[in-house]
Amino acid sequence: MSLMPVRNTKLIGITVYSEDKNEAARLANVIAETYRDYRLHLRRQLTLNGIKVLEDQFQSEGEQIQAVQTNVDNLRKELSVNDSDPNSMIPRLRSRRSNCATTTPCVSKARRAT
């Protein structure tokens, strides 16, 4: 019997010598299946390890987002900011930006208005 790695691949060449060709084929096939199962097991382990790392990062970032949101909520209470819809300022800011993009005096008008 001989096992030879195929250059620049993850394949192996399997050669089995026996007086009975059926026995040689059966042995070669068992070796091939065992090697395939081994490679699949390694790939699964790598994949599961990668997923675990990503899940840990996801959880950590979720905790960071929660901490920042808690800080924002505390600042709103501390500064008496009553904003039932936090996105309510976005349309006004966009309209100011689009108006200011066409004219230069807009900056001074916006300052006087606030």
C-alpha atoms as a PDB file:
ATOM      1  CA  MET A   1       0.000   0.000   0.000  1.00  0.00           C
ATOM      2  CA  SER A   2       1.159   3.540  -0.686  1.00  0.00           C
ATOM      3  CA  LEU A   3      -0.309   6.962   0.067  1.00  0.00           C
ATOM      4  CA  MET A   4       1.040   9.966  -1.808  1.00  0.00           C
ATOM      5  CA  PRO A   5      -0.121  13.558  -1.423  1.00  0.00           C
ATOM      6  CA  VAL A   6      -1.000  15.247  -4.713  1.00  0.00           C
ATOM      7  CA  ARG A   7       1.154  18.347  -4.996  1.00  0.00           C
ATOM      8  CA  ASN A   8      -0.540  21.701  -4.242  1.00  0.00           C
ATOM      9  CA  THR A   9      -3.837  20.018  -3.297  1.00  0.00           C
ATOM     10  CA  LYS A  10      -5.450  18.391  -0.310  1.00  0.00           C
ATOM     11  CA  LEU A  11      -5.857  15.155  -2.285  1.00  0.00           C
ATOM     12  CA  ILE A  12      -3.972  11.932  -1.788  1.00  0.00           C
ATOM     13  CA  GLY A  13      -3.141   9.171  -4.219  1.00  0.00           C
ATOM     14  CA  ILE A  14      -3.983   5.745  -2.846  1.00  0.00           C
ATOM     15  CA  THR A  15      -2.403   2.587  -4.210  1.00  0.00           C
ATOM     16  CA  VAL A  16      -3.191  -0.800  -2.714  1.00  0.00           C
ATOM     17  CA  TYR A  17      -1.497  -3.986  -3.852  1.00  0.00           C
ATOM     18  CA  SER A  18      -3.152  -7.361  -3.353  1.00  0.00           C
ATOM     19  CA  GLU A  19      -3.517 -10.642  -5.173  1.00  0.00           C
ATOM     20  CA  ASP A  20      -7.291 -10.137  -4.969  1.00  0.00           C
ATOM     21  CA  LYS A  21      -8.295  -7.050  -6.984  1.00  0.00           C
ATOM     22  CA  ASN A  22     -11.636  -6.779  -5.136  1.00  0.00           C
ATOM     23  CA  GLU A  23      -9.864  -6.701  -1.785  1.00  0.00           C
ATOM     24  CA  ALA A  24      -7.451  -4.034  -3.091  1.00  0.00           C
ATOM     25  CA  ALA A  25     -10.373  -1.910  -4.335  1.00  0.00           C
ATOM     26  CA  ARG A  26     -12.253  -2.316  -1.048  1.00  0.00           C
ATOM     27  CA  LEU A  27      -9.190  -1.296   1.008  1.00  0.00           C
ATOM     28  CA  ALA A  28      -8.487   1.704  -1.225  1.00  0.00           C
ATOM     29  CA  ASN A  29     -12.116   2.834  -0.948  1.00  0.00           C
ATOM     30  CA  VAL A  30     -12.127   2.465   2.842  1.00  0.00           C
ATOM     31  CA  ILE A  31      -8.925   4.522   3.074  1.00  0.00           C
ATOM     32  CA  ALA A  32     -10.419   7.173   0.747  1.00  0.00           C
ATOM     33  CA  GLU A  33     -13.653   7.368   2.786  1.00  0.00           C
ATOM     34  CA  THR A  34     -11.718   7.587   6.053  1.00  0.00           C
ATOM     35  CA  TYR A  35      -9.524  10.380   4.677  1.00  0.00           C
ATOM     36  CA  ARG A  36     -12.599  12.225   3.345  1.00  0.00           C
ATOM     37  CA  ASP A  37     -14.303  11.944   6.757  1.00  0.00           C
ATOM     38  CA  TYR A  38     -11.142  13.218   8.444  1.00  0.00           C
ATOM     39  CA  ARG A  39     -10.963  16.236   6.103  1.00  0.00           C
ATOM     40  CA  LEU A  40     -14.665  16.985   6.598  1.00  0.00           C
ATOM     41  CA  HIS A  41     -14.226  16.826  10.363  1.00  0.00           C
ATOM     42  CA  LEU A  42     -11.339  19.314  10.171  1.00  0.00           C
ATOM     43  CA  ARG A  43     -13.380  21.651   7.941  1.00  0.00           C
ATOM     44  CA  ARG A  44     -16.356  21.480  10.327  1.00  0.00           C
ATOM     45  CA  GLN A  45     -14.127  22.274  13.299  1.00  0.00           C
ATOM     46  CA  LEU A  46     -12.645  25.290  11.524  1.00  0.00           C
ATOM     47  CA  THR A  47     -16.114  26.474  10.525  1.00  0.00           C
ATOM     48  CA  LEU A  48     -17.511  26.057  14.036  1.00  0.00           C
ATOM     49  CA  ASN A  49     -14.533  27.911  15.517  1.00  0.00           C
ATOM     50  CA  GLY A  50     -15.071  30.759  13.033  1.00  0.00           C
ATOM     51  CA  ILE A  51     -18.776  30.916  13.865  1.00  0.00           C
ATOM     52  CA  LYS A  52     -17.960  31.010  17.585  1.00  0.00           C
ATOM     53  CA  VAL A  53     -15.593  33.952  17.077  1.00  0.00           C
ATOM     54  CA  LEU A  54     -18.249  35.824  15.075  1.00  0.00           C
ATOM     55  CA  GLU A  55     -20.925  35.117  17.707  1.00  0.00           C
ATOM     56  CA  ASP A  56     -18.605  36.419  20.437  1.00  0.00           C
ATOM     57  CA  GLN A  57     -17.919  39.589  18.433  1.00  0.00           C
ATOM     58  CA  PHE A  58     -21.641  40.037  17.783  1.00  0.00           C
ATOM     59  CA  GLN A  59     -22.439  39.706  21.488  1.00  0.00           C
ATOM     60  CA  SER A  60     -19.644  42.105  22.457  1.00  0.00           C
ATOM     61  CA  GLU A  61     -20.791  44.727  19.970  1.00  0.00           C
ATOM     62  CA  GLY A  62     -24.378  44.288  21.124  1.00  0.00           C
ATOM     63  CA  GLU A  63     -23.253  44.966  24.689  1.00  0.00           C
ATOM     64  CA  GLN A  64     -21.352  48.054  23.534  1.00  0.00           C
ATOM     65  CA  ILE A  65     -24.427  49.323  21.670  1.00  0.00           C
ATOM     66  CA  GLN A  66     -26.570  48.733  24.763  1.00  0.00           C
ATOM     67  CA  ALA A  67     -24.089  50.670  26.915  1.00  0.00           C
ATOM     68  CA  VAL A  68     -24.055  53.597  24.486  1.00  0.00           C
ATOM     69  CA  GLN A  69     -27.866  53.557  24.261  1.00  0.00           C
ATOM     70  CA  THR A  70     -28.081  53.602  28.056  1.00  0.00           C
ATOM     71  CA  ASN A  71     -25.693  56.570  28.100  1.00  0.00           C
ATOM     72  CA  VAL A  72     -27.814  58.406  25.508  1.00  0.00           C
ATOM     73  CA  ASP A  73     -30.960  57.715  27.524  1.00  0.00           C
ATOM     74  CA  ASN A  74     -29.278  59.014  30.684  1.00  0.00           C
ATOM     75  CA  LEU A  75     -28.125  62.181  28.891  1.00  0.00           C
ATOM     76  CA  ARG A  76     -31.664  62.769  27.596  1.00  0.00           C
ATOM     77  CA  LYS A  77     -32.994  62.558  31.140  1.00  0.00           C
ATOM     78  CA  GLU A  78     -30.165  64.669  32.578  1.00  0.00           C
ATOM     79  CA  LEU A  79     -30.534  67.371  29.929  1.00  0.00           C
ATOM     80  CA  SER A  80     -34.349  67.204  29.902  1.00  0.00           C
ATOM     81  CA  VAL A  81     -34.525  66.288  26.234  1.00  0.00           C
ATOM     82  CA  ASN A  82     -38.056  65.183  25.463  1.00  0.00           C
ATOM     83  CA  ASP A  83     -38.036  63.598  22.038  1.00  0.00           C
ATOM     84  CA  SER A  84     -40.647  60.921  21.492  1.00  0.00           C
ATOM     85  CA  ASP A  85     -39.395  60.393  17.929  1.00  0.00           C
ATOM     86  CA  PRO A  86     -35.584  60.550  17.737  1.00  0.00           C
ATOM     87  CA  ASN A  87     -35.767  60.629  13.925  1.00  0.00           C
ATOM     88  CA  SER A  88     -37.945  63.758  13.913  1.00  0.00           C
ATOM     89  CA  MET A  89     -34.899  66.016  13.477  1.00  0.00           C
ATOM     90  CA  ILE A  90     -33.594  64.182  10.418  1.00  0.00           C
ATOM     91  CA  PRO A  91     -36.008  65.681   7.818  1.00  0.00           C
ATOM     92  CA  ARG A  92     -35.340  69.222   9.119  1.00  0.00           C
ATOM     93  CA  LEU A  93     -31.581  68.693   8.996  1.00  0.00           C
ATOM     94  CA  ARG A  94     -31.783  67.278   5.467  1.00  0.00           C
ATOM     95  CA  SER A  95     -33.863  70.204   4.222  1.00  0.00           C
ATOM     96  CA  ARG A  96     -31.407  72.683   5.757  1.00  0.00           C
ATOM     97  CA  ARG A  97     -28.523  70.838   4.148  1.00  0.00           C
ATOM     98  CA  SER A  98     -30.143  70.840   0.710  1.00  0.00           C
ATOM     99  CA  ASN A  99     -31.005  74.551   1.010  1.00  0.00           C
ATOM    100  CA  CYS A 100     -27.492  75.374   2.140  1.00  0.00           C
ATOM    101  CA  ALA A 101     -25.909  73.439  -0.677  1.00  0.00           C
ATOM    102  CA  THR A 102     -27.262  75.920  -3.229  1.00  0.00           C
ATOM    103  CA  THR A 103     -26.644  79.218  -1.452  1.00  0.00           C
ATOM    104  CA  THR A 104     -23.920  80.524   0.800  1.00  0.00           C
ATOM    105  CA  PRO A 105     -25.987  82.927   2.964  1.00  0.00           C
ATOM    106  CA  CYS A 106     -27.882  79.937   4.342  1.00  0.00           C
ATOM    107  CA  VAL A 107     -25.342  79.395   7.105  1.00  0.00           C
ATOM    108  CA  SER A 108     -25.920  82.808   8.594  1.00  0.00           C
ATOM    109  CA  LYS A 109     -29.731  82.424   8.267  1.00  0.00           C
ATOM    110  CA  ALA A 110     -29.585  79.091  10.058  1.00  0.00           C
ATOM    111  CA  ARG A 111     -27.563  80.632  12.877  1.00  0.00           C
ATOM    112  CA  ARG A 112     -30.001  83.494  13.304  1.00  0.00           C
ATOM    113  CA  ALA A 113     -32.975  81.146  13.335  1.00  0.00           C
ATOM    114  CA  THR A 114     -31.598  79.008  16.163  1.00  0.00           C
END
